[in-house]
Amino acid sequence: MGVEWGARLLVLALLSSMAFADPLVPTFIIFGDSVSDVGNNNNITTPIKANFLPYGRDFVTHRPTGRFCNGRLAVDFTAEYLGFDTYPPPYLSQEGRGGNVQNGVNFASAGSGLFDLTAVTYGAIPLTRQLNNYREYRRRVENTVGSEKANETFSKGIHLLSSGTSDFVQNYYINPVLRGLYITPDRFSDRLMRSYSTFIEV
C-alpha cells in the first residue's frame, strides 16, 4: 500500500511540474483548411464560415469561434499537449495581429487546399497567401524581438500543415472541368503533391 501511494504521489508531482513548465517548443504555427481553421474565415468574405450554433457549443466559451467543430480541433489539443496555455489565435483576428504573438498563430482557412483554385472558388485564403501572411508575421516578430531571437524561435518551433480534403470534396469530385484535366484521382493527387512540395520548400 505504501509503494502504491508513493507511486501515485510521484505521478502527481510530475504532472504538477509539467503544468507549470515552459512549452516543449517556442512556437506553434498552423496552415491549412477547415480541419485547422480557428476563425480566420470569420474575417473574410466567404460563404464557408462556422460562426453560428451548434458550432462552438462545447468549446470553452460555449460560443461559435469559427472552428468547424462543436468543441476543440485537433490543433487545439496539440497546443495543449505541447504545453501552451493558450491556443494559437487566427492570424486575421485582432488577437492574432496585435500584441506579442511569438508563441504562434493560425493561418488556416476553411475551403482552402493545396490547389490554390480550390480556395479561390470559395473565397477562402489560398496556401500561397497563407504563406505570405506567415512572412508578414515573421517580420513583425523580428521587429519585436530581433532577428537572432526570431530565427531561433521559428527554427525550433513546430509548423503544421493540414490540407487536401477540400481539394477533393469541394473541388475535384464536383468539378467536371478539373476531372477532365486530371482523369483519375491519382493524377490529381500527383498535382497536389507538387503543390505540397513547393509549399514546404519555400
C-alpha atoms as a PDB file:
ATOM      1  CA  MET A   1       0.000   0.000   0.000  1.00  0.00           C
ATOM      2  CA  GLY A   2       2.831   2.382   0.836  1.00  0.00           C
ATOM      3  CA  VAL A   3       4.572   1.753  -2.507  1.00  0.00           C
ATOM      4  CA  GLU A   4       1.326   2.300  -4.397  1.00  0.00           C
ATOM      5  CA  TRP A   5       0.670   5.642  -2.677  1.00  0.00           C
ATOM      6  CA  GLY A   6       4.305   6.634  -3.199  1.00  0.00           C
ATOM      7  CA  ALA A   7       3.927   5.964  -6.946  1.00  0.00           C
ATOM      8  CA  ARG A   8       0.726   7.998  -7.056  1.00  0.00           C
ATOM      9  CA  LEU A   9       2.377  10.930  -5.311  1.00  0.00           C
ATOM     10  CA  LEU A  10       5.312  10.753  -7.745  1.00  0.00           C
ATOM     11  CA  VAL A  11       2.937  10.868 -10.737  1.00  0.00           C
ATOM     12  CA  LEU A  12       1.065  13.820  -9.224  1.00  0.00           C
ATOM     13  CA  ALA A  13       4.329  15.643  -8.600  1.00  0.00           C
ATOM     14  CA  LEU A  14       5.449  15.063 -12.205  1.00  0.00           C
ATOM     15  CA  LEU A  15       2.101  16.234 -13.599  1.00  0.00           C
ATOM     16  CA  SER A  16       2.210  19.296 -11.379  1.00  0.00           C
ATOM     17  CA  SER A  17       5.713  20.208 -12.524  1.00  0.00           C
ATOM     18  CA  MET A  18       4.703  19.723 -16.168  1.00  0.00           C
ATOM     19  CA  ALA A  19       1.703  22.008 -15.684  1.00  0.00           C
ATOM     20  CA  PHE A  20       3.961  24.913 -14.760  1.00  0.00           C
ATOM     21  CA  ALA A  21       6.780  24.138 -17.211  1.00  0.00           C
ATOM     22  CA  ASP A  22       7.533  26.035 -20.408  1.00  0.00           C
ATOM     23  CA  PRO A  23       6.013  24.657 -23.628  1.00  0.00           C
ATOM     24  CA  LEU A  24       8.008  21.913 -25.359  1.00  0.00           C
ATOM     25  CA  VAL A  25       8.592  24.214 -28.342  1.00  0.00           C
ATOM     26  CA  PRO A  26       8.770  28.023 -28.519  1.00  0.00           C
ATOM     27  CA  THR A  27       6.136  28.469 -31.229  1.00  0.00           C
ATOM     28  CA  PHE A  28       3.316  26.581 -32.969  1.00  0.00           C
ATOM     29  CA  ILE A  29       2.385  27.704 -36.492  1.00  0.00           C
ATOM     30  CA  ILE A  30      -0.621  26.286 -38.357  1.00  0.00           C
ATOM     31  CA  PHE A  31      -1.606  26.323 -42.041  1.00  0.00           C
ATOM     32  CA  GLY A  32      -4.433  24.569 -43.830  1.00  0.00           C
ATOM     33  CA  ASP A  33      -8.175  24.229 -44.308  1.00  0.00           C
ATOM     34  CA  SER A  34     -11.317  23.699 -42.197  1.00  0.00           C
ATOM     35  CA  VAL A  35      -9.651  20.928 -40.207  1.00  0.00           C
ATOM     36  CA  SER A  36      -7.410  23.624 -38.679  1.00  0.00           C
ATOM     37  CA  ASP A  37      -9.200  26.960 -39.168  1.00  0.00           C
ATOM     38  CA  VAL A  38      -9.938  28.536 -35.766  1.00  0.00           C
ATOM     39  CA  GLY A  39     -11.636  31.658 -37.091  1.00  0.00           C
ATOM     40  CA  ASN A  40      -9.759  33.239 -39.996  1.00  0.00           C
ATOM     41  CA  ASN A  41     -12.787  32.839 -42.263  1.00  0.00           C
ATOM     42  CA  ASN A  42     -14.818  34.970 -39.854  1.00  0.00           C
ATOM     43  CA  ASN A  43     -12.700  37.898 -41.054  1.00  0.00           C
ATOM     44  CA  ILE A  44     -13.033  37.470 -44.819  1.00  0.00           C
ATOM     45  CA  THR A  45     -15.869  37.450 -47.364  1.00  0.00           C
ATOM     46  CA  THR A  46     -16.665  33.793 -47.919  1.00  0.00           C
ATOM     47  CA  PRO A  47     -19.719  31.542 -47.580  1.00  0.00           C
ATOM     48  CA  ILE A  48     -17.555  28.992 -45.751  1.00  0.00           C
ATOM     49  CA  LYS A  49     -17.995  30.024 -42.116  1.00  0.00           C
ATOM     50  CA  ALA A  50     -18.649  28.328 -38.776  1.00  0.00           C
ATOM     51  CA  ASN A  51     -19.814  31.363 -36.836  1.00  0.00           C
ATOM     52  CA  PHE A  52     -23.205  30.002 -35.787  1.00  0.00           C
ATOM     53  CA  LEU A  53     -24.538  27.299 -33.470  1.00  0.00           C
ATOM     54  CA  PRO A  54     -24.168  24.360 -32.992  1.00  0.00           C
ATOM     55  CA  TYR A  55     -20.524  25.157 -33.796  1.00  0.00           C
ATOM     56  CA  GLY A  56     -18.707  26.010 -30.584  1.00  0.00           C
ATOM     57  CA  ARG A  57     -21.383  24.865 -28.153  1.00  0.00           C
ATOM     58  CA  ASP A  58     -18.901  22.604 -26.309  1.00  0.00           C
ATOM     59  CA  PHE A  59     -15.933  24.969 -26.627  1.00  0.00           C
ATOM     60  CA  VAL A  60     -14.545  26.757 -23.557  1.00  0.00           C
ATOM     61  CA  THR A  61     -16.641  29.857 -24.311  1.00  0.00           C
ATOM     62  CA  HIS A  62     -19.708  27.848 -25.454  1.00  0.00           C
ATOM     63  CA  ARG A  63     -19.919  30.173 -28.452  1.00  0.00           C
ATOM     64  CA  PRO A  64     -19.062  29.751 -32.146  1.00  0.00           C
ATOM     65  CA  THR A  65     -15.451  30.741 -32.817  1.00  0.00           C
ATOM     66  CA  GLY A  66     -15.066  29.851 -36.480  1.00  0.00           C
ATOM     67  CA  ARG A  67     -13.956  26.297 -35.710  1.00  0.00           C
ATOM     68  CA  PHE A  68     -15.782  23.707 -37.813  1.00  0.00           C
ATOM     69  CA  CYS A  69     -16.452  21.700 -34.685  1.00  0.00           C
ATOM     70  CA  ASN A  70     -18.694  21.809 -31.639  1.00  0.00           C
ATOM     71  CA  GLY A  71     -15.604  21.978 -29.407  1.00  0.00           C
ATOM     72  CA  ARG A  72     -11.850  21.898 -29.856  1.00  0.00           C
ATOM     73  CA  LEU A  73      -9.971  20.938 -33.001  1.00  0.00           C
ATOM     74  CA  ALA A  74      -7.005  18.589 -33.232  1.00  0.00           C
ATOM     75  CA  VAL A  75      -4.698  21.628 -33.398  1.00  0.00           C
ATOM     76  CA  ASP A  76      -6.138  22.849 -30.071  1.00  0.00           C
ATOM     77  CA  PHE A  77      -5.400  19.518 -28.420  1.00  0.00           C
ATOM     78  CA  THR A  78      -1.927  19.593 -29.964  1.00  0.00           C
ATOM     79  CA  ALA A  79      -1.266  23.039 -28.482  1.00  0.00           C
ATOM     80  CA  GLU A  80      -2.334  21.736 -25.074  1.00  0.00           C
ATOM     81  CA  TYR A  81      -0.108  18.672 -25.314  1.00  0.00           C
ATOM     82  CA  LEU A  82       2.823  20.877 -26.313  1.00  0.00           C
ATOM     83  CA  GLY A  83       2.337  22.792 -23.070  1.00  0.00           C
ATOM     84  CA  PHE A  84       0.814  26.052 -24.345  1.00  0.00           C
ATOM     85  CA  ASP A  85      -1.716  27.670 -22.045  1.00  0.00           C
ATOM     86  CA  THR A  86      -3.495  29.391 -24.946  1.00  0.00           C
ATOM     87  CA  TYR A  87      -4.396  28.315 -28.475  1.00  0.00           C
ATOM     88  CA  PRO A  88      -2.685  29.968 -31.454  1.00  0.00           C
ATOM     89  CA  PRO A  89      -5.176  32.663 -32.478  1.00  0.00           C
ATOM     90  CA  PRO A  90      -6.417  33.167 -36.042  1.00  0.00           C
ATOM     91  CA  TYR A  91      -3.979  35.472 -37.809  1.00  0.00           C
ATOM     92  CA  LEU A  92      -6.719  37.719 -39.175  1.00  0.00           C
ATOM     93  CA  SER A  93      -8.255  38.314 -35.756  1.00  0.00           C
ATOM     94  CA  GLN A  94      -7.430  41.287 -33.560  1.00  0.00           C
ATOM     95  CA  GLU A  95      -5.630  38.952 -31.157  1.00  0.00           C
ATOM     96  CA  GLY A  96      -3.584  37.415 -33.975  1.00  0.00           C
ATOM     97  CA  ARG A  97      -2.438  40.701 -35.455  1.00  0.00           C
ATOM     98  CA  GLY A  98      -1.678  42.652 -32.312  1.00  0.00           C
ATOM     99  CA  GLY A  99       0.394  42.286 -29.198  1.00  0.00           C
ATOM    100  CA  ASN A 100       3.013  39.669 -28.541  1.00  0.00           C
ATOM    101  CA  VAL A 101       2.190  36.532 -30.532  1.00  0.00           C
ATOM    102  CA  GLN A 102       5.620  34.877 -30.656  1.00  0.00           C
ATOM    103  CA  ASN A 103       4.074  31.656 -29.355  1.00  0.00           C
ATOM    104  CA  GLY A 104       2.382  31.167 -32.702  1.00  0.00           C
ATOM    105  CA  VAL A 105      -0.659  31.935 -34.795  1.00  0.00           C
ATOM    106  CA  ASN A 106      -3.037  30.059 -37.048  1.00  0.00           C
ATOM    107  CA  PHE A 107      -3.192  30.898 -40.783  1.00  0.00           C
ATOM    108  CA  ALA A 108      -5.634  28.138 -41.831  1.00  0.00           C
ATOM    109  CA  SER A 109      -8.729  28.962 -43.865  1.00  0.00           C
ATOM    110  CA  ALA A 110     -11.706  26.651 -44.363  1.00  0.00           C
ATOM    111  CA  GLY A 111     -12.225  25.881 -48.039  1.00  0.00           C
ATOM    112  CA  SER A 112      -8.537  26.232 -48.815  1.00  0.00           C
ATOM    113  CA  GLY A 113      -6.443  23.491 -50.363  1.00  0.00           C
ATOM    114  CA  LEU A 114      -3.100  22.518 -51.775  1.00  0.00           C
ATOM    115  CA  PHE A 115      -4.529  23.570 -55.149  1.00  0.00           C
ATOM    116  CA  ASP A 116      -4.951  27.351 -54.999  1.00  0.00           C
ATOM    117  CA  LEU A 117      -8.026  27.339 -57.258  1.00  0.00           C
ATOM    118  CA  THR A 118      -9.877  25.364 -54.575  1.00  0.00           C
ATOM    119  CA  ALA A 119      -9.607  28.344 -52.237  1.00  0.00           C
ATOM    120  CA  VAL A 120     -10.394  30.868 -54.960  1.00  0.00           C
ATOM    121  CA  THR A 121     -13.650  29.044 -55.772  1.00  0.00           C
ATOM    122  CA  TYR A 122     -14.915  29.588 -52.218  1.00  0.00           C
ATOM    123  CA  GLY A 123     -13.319  32.921 -51.405  1.00  0.00           C
ATOM    124  CA  ALA A 124     -11.015  31.233 -48.903  1.00  0.00           C
ATOM    125  CA  ILE A 125      -7.362  32.071 -48.264  1.00  0.00           C
ATOM    126  CA  PRO A 126      -5.082  30.072 -50.603  1.00  0.00           C
ATOM    127  CA  LEU A 127      -1.965  28.449 -49.188  1.00  0.00           C
ATOM    128  CA  THR A 128       0.209  30.851 -51.176  1.00  0.00           C
ATOM    129  CA  ARG A 129      -1.461  33.765 -49.367  1.00  0.00           C
ATOM    130  CA  GLN A 130      -1.248  31.955 -46.038  1.00  0.00           C
ATOM    131  CA  LEU A 131       2.484  31.729 -46.690  1.00  0.00           C
ATOM    132  CA  ASN A 132       2.642  35.472 -47.431  1.00  0.00           C
ATOM    133  CA  ASN A 133       0.782  36.137 -44.170  1.00  0.00           C
ATOM    134  CA  TYR A 134       3.359  33.963 -42.414  1.00  0.00           C
ATOM    135  CA  ARG A 135       6.214  36.038 -43.860  1.00  0.00           C
ATOM    136  CA  GLU A 136       4.490  39.204 -42.665  1.00  0.00           C
ATOM    137  CA  TYR A 137       4.055  37.655 -39.222  1.00  0.00           C
ATOM    138  CA  ARG A 138       7.740  36.686 -39.068  1.00  0.00           C
ATOM    139  CA  ARG A 139       8.748  40.249 -39.900  1.00  0.00           C
ATOM    140  CA  ARG A 140       6.584  41.533 -37.050  1.00  0.00           C
ATOM    141  CA  VAL A 141       8.163  39.080 -34.604  1.00  0.00           C
ATOM    142  CA  GLU A 142      11.655  40.043 -35.837  1.00  0.00           C
ATOM    143  CA  ASN A 143      10.834  43.702 -35.301  1.00  0.00           C
ATOM    144  CA  THR A 144       9.700  42.887 -31.772  1.00  0.00           C
ATOM    145  CA  VAL A 145      12.441  40.549 -30.524  1.00  0.00           C
ATOM    146  CA  GLY A 146      15.247  40.945 -33.074  1.00  0.00           C
ATOM    147  CA  SER A 147      16.353  38.686 -35.939  1.00  0.00           C
ATOM    148  CA  GLU A 148      18.516  36.335 -33.878  1.00  0.00           C
ATOM    149  CA  LYS A 149      15.828  35.562 -31.310  1.00  0.00           C
ATOM    150  CA  ALA A 150      13.150  35.287 -34.013  1.00  0.00           C
ATOM    151  CA  ASN A 151      15.233  32.856 -36.088  1.00  0.00           C
ATOM    152  CA  GLU A 152      15.817  30.684 -33.034  1.00  0.00           C
ATOM    153  CA  THR A 153      12.117  30.736 -32.168  1.00  0.00           C
ATOM    154  CA  PHE A 154      10.970  29.729 -35.651  1.00  0.00           C
ATOM    155  CA  SER A 155      13.699  27.153 -36.250  1.00  0.00           C
ATOM    156  CA  LYS A 156      12.792  25.336 -33.020  1.00  0.00           C
ATOM    157  CA  GLY A 157       9.032  25.692 -33.454  1.00  0.00           C
ATOM    158  CA  ILE A 158       6.504  23.333 -34.988  1.00  0.00           C
ATOM    159  CA  HIS A 159       4.932  24.220 -38.331  1.00  0.00           C
ATOM    160  CA  LEU A 160       1.829  22.154 -39.100  1.00  0.00           C
ATOM    161  CA  LEU A 161       0.031  21.874 -42.443  1.00  0.00           C
ATOM    162  CA  SER A 162      -3.350  20.140 -42.727  1.00  0.00           C
ATOM    163  CA  SER A 163      -4.728  20.335 -46.236  1.00  0.00           C
ATOM    164  CA  GLY A 164      -6.056  18.339 -49.188  1.00  0.00           C
ATOM    165  CA  THR A 165      -9.577  17.366 -48.130  1.00  0.00           C
ATOM    166  CA  SER A 166     -11.249  20.393 -49.726  1.00  0.00           C
ATOM    167  CA  ASP A 167      -9.302  19.812 -52.929  1.00  0.00           C
ATOM    168  CA  PHE A 168     -11.214  16.568 -53.445  1.00  0.00           C
ATOM    169  CA  VAL A 169     -14.550  17.002 -51.637  1.00  0.00           C
ATOM    170  CA  GLN A 170     -15.212  20.625 -52.625  1.00  0.00           C
ATOM    171  CA  ASN A 171     -13.426  20.701 -55.966  1.00  0.00           C
ATOM    172  CA  TYR A 172     -12.295  17.597 -57.854  1.00  0.00           C
ATOM    173  CA  TYR A 173     -15.355  15.397 -57.189  1.00  0.00           C
ATOM    174  CA  ILE A 174     -17.838  18.135 -58.141  1.00  0.00           C
ATOM    175  CA  ASN A 175     -15.874  19.950 -60.849  1.00  0.00           C
ATOM    176  CA  PRO A 176     -16.185  18.304 -64.313  1.00  0.00           C
ATOM    177  CA  VAL A 177     -13.541  20.619 -65.793  1.00  0.00           C
ATOM    178  CA  LEU A 178     -10.994  19.542 -63.201  1.00  0.00           C
ATOM    179  CA  ARG A 179     -11.880  15.874 -63.675  1.00  0.00           C
ATOM    180  CA  GLY A 180     -11.393  16.382 -67.416  1.00  0.00           C
ATOM    181  CA  LEU A 181      -7.902  17.809 -66.856  1.00  0.00           C
ATOM    182  CA  TYR A 182      -6.918  15.159 -64.298  1.00  0.00           C
ATOM    183  CA  ILE A 183      -8.650  11.985 -65.479  1.00  0.00           C
ATOM    184  CA  THR A 184      -8.107   9.990 -62.287  1.00  0.00           C
ATOM    185  CA  PRO A 185      -7.871  10.905 -58.572  1.00  0.00           C
ATOM    186  CA  ASP A 186      -4.289   9.618 -58.655  1.00  0.00           C
ATOM    187  CA  ARG A 187      -3.322  12.173 -61.293  1.00  0.00           C
ATOM    188  CA  PHE A 188      -4.918  14.941 -59.282  1.00  0.00           C
ATOM    189  CA  SER A 189      -3.086  13.660 -56.190  1.00  0.00           C
ATOM    190  CA  ASP A 190       0.190  13.978 -58.077  1.00  0.00           C
ATOM    191  CA  ARG A 191      -0.701  17.606 -58.844  1.00  0.00           C
ATOM    192  CA  LEU A 192      -1.451  18.220 -55.164  1.00  0.00           C
ATOM    193  CA  MET A 193       1.848  16.652 -54.116  1.00  0.00           C
ATOM    194  CA  ARG A 194       3.725  19.046 -56.388  1.00  0.00           C
ATOM    195  CA  SER A 195       1.948  21.967 -54.693  1.00  0.00           C
ATOM    196  CA  TYR A 196       2.756  20.468 -51.299  1.00  0.00           C
ATOM    197  CA  SER A 197       6.432  20.104 -52.189  1.00  0.00           C
ATOM    198  CA  THR A 198       6.597  23.695 -53.412  1.00  0.00           C
ATOM    199  CA  PHE A 199       4.948  24.926 -50.202  1.00  0.00           C
ATOM    200  CA  ILE A 200       7.423  23.017 -47.998  1.00  0.00           C
ATOM    201  CA  GLU A 201      10.465  24.099 -49.989  1.00  0.00           C
ATOM    202  CA  VAL A 202       9.511  27.781 -49.940  1.00  0.00           C
END
